[in-house]
Amino acid sequence: MKNEVSAVIFEGSQPQSRVEEDIVLVRQAALLDNLEKMHHVSFFDRILLFTNRPELVEPAENLGAQVFLNDKSPHDFHFGRELQEAIRQNNLKRVFCLNGAGSPLITVDELNMVCRKLAGKDNFVYTNNTQSVDVLAFTVPGNLDQAELPAADNSLAMTLRDQLGLQMELMPHTLGLLFDIDTPTDLLVLGAGPFAGPRTRKTLEGLQLDYRKLNSAKTVLSAEYEDVALIGRVGAPVIERLNALLKLRLRVFSEERGMKSLGRIEANQVISLLGLLVDHAGLENFFEYLSRVARCAFIDTRVLMYHYSFNFSDRERFLSDLGKWQEVENPWLKELTRLAEQCPIPVVLGGHSLVSGSLWALTSELAPKT
């Protein structure tokens, strides 16, 4: 086939706690589900998987991937340099790039759509999100090695556009192209919903996940004209979809979108209006106010964390997402988590993926069928 596409997938992990191990297990299952889909897409001339997880080698190879095993920890991994090396060593011309659990609900039709678009273009980058990339396809420019690609994949699309002059286009907003697995909250959304692939579903069923709070929030979302608060890096497409498909009164405060890709975290420039309110009123009063204005809430807590210049471990953040305040060590995060868990309304905590792909998935699940 003319202008074939090469898939490049990176999946590395070094879990330090049980809650991180659970996410790794689901990510790996989702990766294998995606490899099975990709195996049926004729555009792909090869599927290259780069990983530090030996247990992935055999099942991935059985699904048609060429696996490159390394011993790098996530702390030593520089995404941009590894991508440049993969392209150089394998002489790649058109690249479909994915992190291991990126777009776990992508369909074969969507894979074909992305590849078809890429195969017919030159000097082109196609992404699901400008400032927080999960899946990306691009034509390899001749001067790629001269660019300083980012250490993480979040800002890769902007780098290809701004440094190398590729013409950027956004992929359609769909469940398959937006949902990602970043936090335990995403596992809850997958486990309580109908969308997970077979390996992912089986893995989720083996975990001890508590779906009660999420199910309470889903009850509110399914009702008519209840107030729902969305706080954090909330994007316009999610707001539009919620308004179009569910009967809600939304209370939205969106702030610090692009804080990672624009370097605001590293520069200690993150500032949150929610954080300023907490400074003034305190955490306890904030959650009391929240329960007065909404029947449920979805909060991207990372904005608040970086407002206070906290750099919590994955274990701490993930335990907070799950509401396990008794196991959280940091006093401030323990108190935030306890108050969220004991709030009179269901308060769902998470990261950016909560107020993007996970809300999209919940809307897809709960919208009236036509």
Protein backbone atom coordinates (compact mmCIF):
# COMPACT_ATOMS: atom_id res chain seq x y z
CA MET A 1 0.00 0.00 0.00
CA LYS A 2 1.27 3.47 -0.90
CA ASN A 3 2.21 5.74 1.99
CA GLU A 4 1.97 3.07 4.66
CA VAL A 5 1.85 4.10 8.31
CA SER A 6 4.09 2.81 11.09
CA ALA A 7 2.71 2.57 14.63
CA VAL A 8 5.05 3.54 17.46
CA ILE A 9 3.85 2.70 20.98
CA PHE A 10 5.62 3.45 24.25
CA GLU A 11 4.53 1.67 27.41
CA GLY A 12 6.80 1.84 30.43
CA SER A 13 6.11 1.68 34.14
CA GLN A 14 7.73 1.10 37.50
CA PRO A 15 4.90 0.98 40.04
CA GLN A 16 5.79 1.75 43.64
CA SER A 17 2.51 0.85 45.29
CA ARG A 18 -0.53 -1.40 44.96
CA VAL A 19 -2.71 1.37 43.52
CA GLU A 20 -0.10 2.03 40.82
CA GLU A 21 0.14 -1.69 40.06
CA ASP A 22 -3.61 -1.82 39.45
CA ILE A 23 -3.34 0.93 36.85
CA VAL A 24 -0.40 -0.81 35.17
CA LEU A 25 -2.38 -4.05 34.89
CA VAL A 26 -5.31 -2.29 33.23
CA ARG A 27 -3.04 -0.24 30.95
CA GLN A 28 -1.34 -3.40 29.73
CA ALA A 29 -4.66 -5.13 29.10
CA ALA A 30 -5.89 -2.08 27.18
CA LEU A 31 -2.68 -2.05 25.14
CA LEU A 32 -3.21 -5.66 24.11
CA ASP A 33 -6.84 -4.93 23.21
CA ASN A 34 -5.59 -2.09 21.00
CA LEU A 35 -2.93 -4.26 19.37
CA GLU A 36 -5.63 -6.71 18.37
CA LYS A 37 -7.55 -3.88 16.67
CA MET A 38 -4.41 -2.55 14.98
CA HIS A 39 -3.62 -6.00 13.67
CA HIS A 40 -6.73 -5.67 11.48
CA VAL A 41 -5.81 -2.25 10.01
CA SER A 42 -4.19 -2.72 6.61
CA PHE A 43 -2.56 0.74 6.62
CA PHE A 44 -0.01 -0.34 9.24
CA ASP A 45 3.16 -1.72 7.71
CA ARG A 46 4.55 -2.43 11.20
CA ILE A 47 3.69 -1.96 14.84
CA LEU A 48 6.65 -1.13 17.08
CA LEU A 49 6.27 -1.44 20.85
CA PHE A 50 8.93 -0.03 23.17
CA THR A 51 8.57 -1.19 26.76
CA ASN A 52 10.40 -2.05 29.97
CA ARG A 53 7.80 -4.71 30.86
CA PRO A 54 9.01 -8.25 29.97
CA GLU A 55 5.52 -9.71 30.51
CA LEU A 56 4.28 -7.77 27.47
CA VAL A 57 6.75 -9.28 25.00
CA GLU A 58 5.09 -12.58 24.18
CA PRO A 59 1.43 -11.47 24.10
CA ALA A 60 2.31 -8.35 22.07
CA GLU A 61 4.35 -10.35 19.57
CA ASN A 62 1.47 -12.81 19.23
CA LEU A 63 -0.68 -9.85 18.18
CA GLY A 64 1.75 -8.76 15.47
CA ALA A 65 3.90 -6.19 17.26
CA GLN A 66 7.67 -5.98 17.04
CA VAL A 67 8.77 -5.50 20.64
CA PHE A 68 11.87 -3.61 21.80
CA LEU A 69 12.54 -4.41 25.46
CA ASN A 70 14.63 -2.04 27.56
CA ASP A 71 15.42 -1.61 31.23
CA LYS A 72 14.78 2.12 31.50
CA SER A 73 12.78 3.44 34.41
CA PRO A 74 10.16 6.12 33.71
CA HIS A 75 12.46 8.63 35.45
CA ASP A 76 15.22 7.96 32.91
CA PHE A 77 12.91 7.95 29.90
CA HIS A 78 12.91 11.01 27.61
CA PHE A 79 10.01 10.66 25.22
CA GLY A 80 11.28 13.01 22.52
CA ARG A 81 14.74 11.47 22.23
CA GLU A 82 13.32 7.94 22.26
CA LEU A 83 10.86 8.83 19.50
CA GLN A 84 13.59 10.41 17.37
CA GLU A 85 15.75 7.30 17.83
CA ALA A 86 12.88 4.95 16.92
CA ILE A 87 12.18 6.93 13.75
CA ARG A 88 15.86 7.10 12.77
CA GLN A 89 16.65 3.44 13.46
CA ASN A 90 13.58 2.18 11.61
CA ASN A 91 13.54 4.75 8.79
CA LEU A 92 9.93 5.71 9.48
CA LYS A 93 8.10 8.15 7.21
CA ARG A 94 4.54 8.30 8.55
CA VAL A 95 4.04 7.67 12.25
CA PHE A 96 1.01 6.83 14.34
CA CYS A 97 2.19 7.48 17.91
CA LEU A 98 0.46 6.21 21.02
CA ASN A 99 1.28 5.78 24.67
CA GLY A 100 0.47 2.37 26.03
CA ALA A 101 -2.99 3.19 27.34
CA GLY A 102 -3.70 6.13 25.07
CA SER A 103 -7.15 5.92 23.49
CA PRO A 104 -7.99 2.44 24.87
CA LEU A 105 -11.48 2.69 23.38
CA ILE A 106 -10.39 3.63 19.86
CA THR A 107 -12.20 1.61 17.21
CA VAL A 108 -10.90 -0.09 14.08
CA ASP A 109 -12.88 2.42 12.02
CA GLU A 110 -11.19 5.30 13.84
CA LEU A 111 -7.76 3.74 13.34
CA ASN A 112 -8.48 3.45 9.64
CA MET A 113 -9.72 7.04 9.53
CA VAL A 114 -6.56 8.41 11.15
CA CYS A 115 -4.28 6.35 8.92
CA ARG A 116 -6.20 7.26 5.76
CA LYS A 117 -5.94 10.93 6.66
CA LEU A 118 -2.21 10.66 7.31
CA ALA A 119 -1.52 8.60 4.18
CA GLY A 120 -2.97 11.34 1.98
CA LYS A 121 -1.03 14.24 3.52
CA ASP A 122 2.45 15.75 3.59
CA ASN A 123 3.93 18.12 6.17
CA PHE A 124 1.07 17.18 8.50
CA VAL A 125 0.32 16.45 12.16
CA TYR A 126 -3.03 15.08 13.32
CA THR A 127 -3.77 15.04 17.06
CA ASN A 128 -6.60 14.39 19.48
CA ASN A 129 -5.58 17.31 21.70
CA THR A 130 -3.30 20.27 21.06
CA GLN A 131 -2.06 20.71 24.62
CA SER A 132 -2.42 17.21 26.07
CA VAL A 133 -1.70 14.61 23.42
CA ASP A 134 -2.81 10.99 23.84
CA VAL A 135 -2.76 9.90 20.20
CA LEU A 136 -0.94 11.59 17.32
CA ALA A 137 -0.16 10.90 13.67
CA PHE A 138 2.37 12.84 11.63
CA THR A 139 4.56 12.83 8.55
CA VAL A 140 8.23 12.76 9.51
CA PRO A 141 9.99 15.99 8.47
CA GLY A 142 13.54 15.84 7.15
CA ASN A 143 14.80 18.04 9.98
CA LEU A 144 13.25 16.06 12.84
CA ASP A 145 16.64 15.37 14.46
CA GLN A 146 17.31 19.10 14.67
CA ALA A 147 14.26 19.69 16.86
CA GLU A 148 14.21 19.49 20.63
CA LEU A 149 11.24 17.21 21.17
CA PRO A 150 9.58 17.28 24.60
CA ALA A 151 10.44 14.92 27.45
CA ALA A 152 6.76 13.92 27.70
CA ASP A 153 4.23 13.48 24.92
CA ASN A 154 1.77 16.17 26.11
CA SER A 155 3.20 18.96 23.96
CA LEU A 156 4.49 16.94 20.99
CA ALA A 157 1.84 18.24 18.60
CA MET A 158 2.67 21.87 19.42
CA THR A 159 6.38 21.17 18.98
CA LEU A 160 5.86 19.60 15.55
CA ARG A 161 3.74 22.57 14.53
CA ASP A 162 5.75 25.40 16.08
CA GLN A 163 9.34 24.16 15.67
CA LEU A 164 9.07 22.11 12.49
CA GLY A 165 6.23 23.83 10.65
CA LEU A 166 3.87 20.88 10.25
CA GLN A 167 0.26 21.77 9.52
CA MET A 168 -1.87 20.74 12.48
CA GLU A 169 -5.40 19.42 12.39
CA LEU A 170 -7.50 18.18 15.29
CA MET A 171 -9.11 14.74 15.22
CA PRO A 172 -12.87 14.50 15.72
CA HIS A 173 -14.08 14.51 19.30
CA THR A 174 -15.17 10.93 19.94
CA LEU A 175 -15.11 8.55 22.88
CA GLY A 176 -12.45 6.43 21.19
CA LEU A 177 -10.12 9.37 20.57
CA LEU A 178 -10.59 11.18 23.90
CA PHE A 179 -10.78 8.59 26.67
CA ASP A 180 -7.44 7.80 28.32
CA ILE A 181 -6.25 5.84 31.34
CA ASP A 182 -4.30 8.18 33.60
CA THR A 183 -5.74 7.70 37.08
CA PRO A 184 -7.77 5.22 39.15
CA THR A 185 -10.88 7.31 38.44
CA ASP A 186 -10.58 6.33 34.79
CA LEU A 187 -10.52 2.69 35.91
CA LEU A 188 -13.77 3.28 37.81
CA VAL A 189 -15.41 4.82 34.74
CA LEU A 190 -14.30 1.86 32.62
CA GLY A 191 -15.27 -0.75 35.19
CA ALA A 192 -18.72 0.69 35.86
CA GLY A 193 -19.47 1.26 32.18
CA PRO A 194 -20.00 -0.88 29.07
CA PHE A 195 -17.05 0.17 26.91
CA ALA A 196 -13.96 -1.77 28.03
CA GLY A 197 -12.38 -4.32 25.69
CA PRO A 198 -12.29 -8.02 26.64
CA ARG A 199 -8.83 -8.11 28.25
CA THR A 200 -9.44 -4.80 29.98
CA ARG A 201 -12.83 -5.97 31.30
CA LYS A 202 -11.36 -9.20 32.66
CA THR A 203 -8.56 -7.31 34.42
CA LEU A 204 -10.95 -4.76 35.95
CA GLU A 205 -13.13 -7.56 37.31
CA GLY A 206 -10.11 -8.87 39.23
CA LEU A 207 -9.55 -5.57 41.07
CA GLN A 208 -11.14 -4.48 44.34
CA LEU A 209 -12.70 -1.25 43.09
CA ASP A 210 -15.47 0.62 44.94
CA TYR A 211 -17.97 2.04 42.47
CA ARG A 212 -20.49 3.46 44.96
CA LYS A 213 -19.54 7.15 44.76
CA LEU A 214 -19.27 7.11 40.98
CA ASN A 215 -22.64 5.37 40.71
CA SER A 216 -24.17 8.04 42.95
CA ALA A 217 -22.76 10.72 40.64
CA LYS A 218 -24.15 8.86 37.63
CA THR A 219 -27.58 8.90 39.24
CA VAL A 220 -27.38 12.70 39.43
CA LEU A 221 -26.19 12.95 35.83
CA SER A 222 -29.14 10.81 34.73
CA ALA A 223 -31.72 12.95 36.51
CA GLU A 224 -33.37 16.07 35.11
CA TYR A 225 -31.88 19.53 35.63
CA GLU A 226 -29.73 18.80 38.64
CA ASP A 227 -26.77 21.11 39.29
CA VAL A 228 -23.43 19.51 38.39
CA ALA A 229 -20.10 21.21 39.16
CA LEU A 230 -17.11 20.74 36.83
CA ILE A 231 -13.86 22.18 38.16
CA GLY A 232 -10.35 22.11 36.66
CA ARG A 233 -9.03 21.83 33.13
CA VAL A 234 -12.48 21.49 31.57
CA GLY A 235 -12.66 21.89 27.79
CA ALA A 236 -15.47 23.34 25.71
CA PRO A 237 -16.23 20.10 23.79
CA VAL A 238 -17.10 18.24 27.01
CA ILE A 239 -19.34 21.08 28.17
CA GLU A 240 -21.08 21.16 24.80
CA ARG A 241 -21.62 17.39 24.83
CA LEU A 242 -23.03 17.33 28.35
CA ASN A 243 -25.41 20.15 27.49
CA ALA A 244 -26.48 18.47 24.26
CA LEU A 245 -27.11 14.95 25.55
CA LEU A 246 -28.03 15.24 29.24
CA LYS A 247 -30.55 17.41 31.07
CA LEU A 248 -28.26 19.26 33.47
CA ARG A 249 -27.56 22.64 34.98
CA LEU A 250 -23.79 22.94 34.72
CA ARG A 251 -21.65 25.02 37.05
CA VAL A 252 -18.27 25.12 35.34
CA PHE A 253 -15.02 26.68 36.42
CA SER A 254 -12.24 25.92 33.96
CA GLU A 255 -8.68 27.00 34.68
CA GLU A 256 -5.03 26.23 33.88
CA ARG A 257 -5.63 24.30 30.67
CA GLY A 258 -2.22 23.53 29.15
CA MET A 259 -0.36 23.98 32.43
CA LYS A 260 1.91 21.03 31.57
CA SER A 261 2.52 21.61 27.88
CA LEU A 262 3.08 25.37 28.35
CA GLY A 263 5.66 24.80 31.10
CA ARG A 264 3.65 26.55 33.80
CA ILE A 265 4.22 23.76 36.34
CA GLU A 266 8.01 23.82 35.95
CA ALA A 267 7.99 27.62 36.14
CA ASN A 268 5.84 27.54 39.30
CA GLN A 269 3.28 29.76 37.56
CA VAL A 270 0.11 27.74 38.26
CA ILE A 271 -2.49 29.87 40.01
CA SER A 272 -6.01 28.74 40.79
CA LEU A 273 -9.06 30.77 41.70
CA LEU A 274 -10.27 27.70 43.58
CA GLY A 275 -6.99 27.77 45.51
CA LEU A 276 -7.46 31.43 46.38
CA LEU A 277 -10.97 30.63 47.61
CA VAL A 278 -9.56 27.82 49.76
CA ASP A 279 -6.93 30.24 51.11
CA HIS A 280 -9.71 32.58 52.18
CA ALA A 281 -12.39 30.16 53.34
CA GLY A 282 -10.55 26.93 54.13
CA LEU A 283 -11.14 23.44 52.77
CA GLU A 284 -14.02 22.62 55.09
CA ASN A 285 -15.99 25.72 54.08
CA PHE A 286 -15.25 25.13 50.40
CA PHE A 287 -16.84 21.68 50.46
CA GLU A 288 -19.79 23.04 52.44
CA TYR A 289 -20.27 25.73 49.77
CA LEU A 290 -19.95 23.12 47.04
CA SER A 291 -22.70 20.97 48.56
CA ARG A 292 -25.00 24.02 48.57
CA VAL A 293 -24.59 24.84 44.87
CA ALA A 294 -24.39 21.37 43.29
CA ARG A 295 -25.80 17.87 43.57
CA CYS A 296 -22.53 16.29 42.48
CA ALA A 297 -19.07 17.50 41.46
CA PHE A 298 -16.14 16.41 39.31
CA ILE A 299 -12.85 18.02 40.34
CA ASP A 300 -9.51 17.91 38.55
CA THR A 301 -7.43 18.25 41.72
CA ARG A 302 -4.05 18.60 39.97
CA VAL A 303 -4.62 22.31 39.36
CA LEU A 304 -5.10 22.86 43.09
CA MET A 305 -2.08 20.71 43.92
CA TYR A 306 0.22 22.75 41.68
CA HIS A 307 -1.31 26.02 42.89
CA TYR A 308 0.17 25.07 46.26
CA SER A 309 3.41 23.79 44.62
CA PHE A 310 2.80 20.25 45.84
CA ASN A 311 4.52 17.49 43.88
CA PHE A 312 2.84 14.42 45.30
CA SER A 313 3.85 10.88 44.42
CA ASP A 314 1.57 8.85 42.17
CA ARG A 315 0.63 6.80 45.21
CA GLU A 316 -0.60 9.84 47.14
CA ARG A 317 -2.50 11.32 44.20
CA PHE A 318 -4.11 8.03 43.27
CA LEU A 319 -5.17 7.20 46.82
CA SER A 320 -6.81 10.63 46.96
CA ASP A 321 -8.63 9.95 43.70
CA LEU A 322 -10.06 6.80 45.24
CA GLY A 323 -11.14 8.61 48.41
CA LYS A 324 -8.82 6.54 50.61
CA TRP A 325 -7.96 9.43 52.90
CA GLN A 326 -6.90 7.15 55.78
CA GLU A 327 -3.95 5.93 53.66
CA VAL A 328 -2.84 9.36 52.43
CA GLU A 329 0.24 10.61 54.27
CA ASN A 330 0.36 14.33 53.45
CA PRO A 331 -1.84 16.21 55.98
CA TRP A 332 -3.25 18.71 53.48
CA LEU A 333 -4.10 16.05 50.89
CA LYS A 334 -5.51 13.77 53.61
CA GLU A 335 -7.86 16.57 54.71
CA LEU A 336 -8.90 17.45 51.15
CA THR A 337 -9.65 13.79 50.43
CA ARG A 338 -11.52 13.22 53.69
CA LEU A 339 -13.72 16.27 53.17
CA ALA A 340 -14.46 15.28 49.58
CA GLU A 341 -15.32 11.75 50.67
CA GLN A 342 -17.56 12.93 53.52
CA CYS A 343 -19.23 15.71 51.55
CA PRO A 344 -23.06 15.39 51.46
CA ILE A 345 -22.90 15.19 47.65
CA PRO A 346 -20.81 12.76 45.57
CA VAL A 347 -17.49 14.47 44.77
CA VAL A 348 -15.42 12.61 42.18
CA LEU A 349 -11.71 13.47 42.22
CA GLY A 350 -9.16 12.88 39.49
CA GLY A 351 -6.85 14.50 36.96
CA HIS A 352 -7.35 16.09 33.56
CA SER A 353 -8.68 12.83 32.13
CA LEU A 354 -11.60 12.96 34.59
CA VAL A 355 -12.95 16.22 33.16
CA SER A 356 -12.22 15.23 29.56
CA GLY A 357 -12.37 11.61 28.40
CA SER A 358 -14.03 10.18 31.49
CA LEU A 359 -16.87 12.71 31.41
CA TRP A 360 -17.21 12.01 27.69
CA ALA A 361 -17.52 8.28 28.48
CA LEU A 362 -20.12 8.90 31.19
CA THR A 363 -22.14 11.04 28.80
CA SER A 364 -21.95 8.33 26.12
CA GLU A 365 -23.15 5.75 28.64
CA LEU A 366 -25.98 7.81 30.15
CA ALA A 367 -27.36 9.68 27.14
CA PRO A 368 -30.84 8.51 26.08
CA LYS A 369 -30.63 6.02 23.25
CA THR A 370 -32.28 7.11 20.01
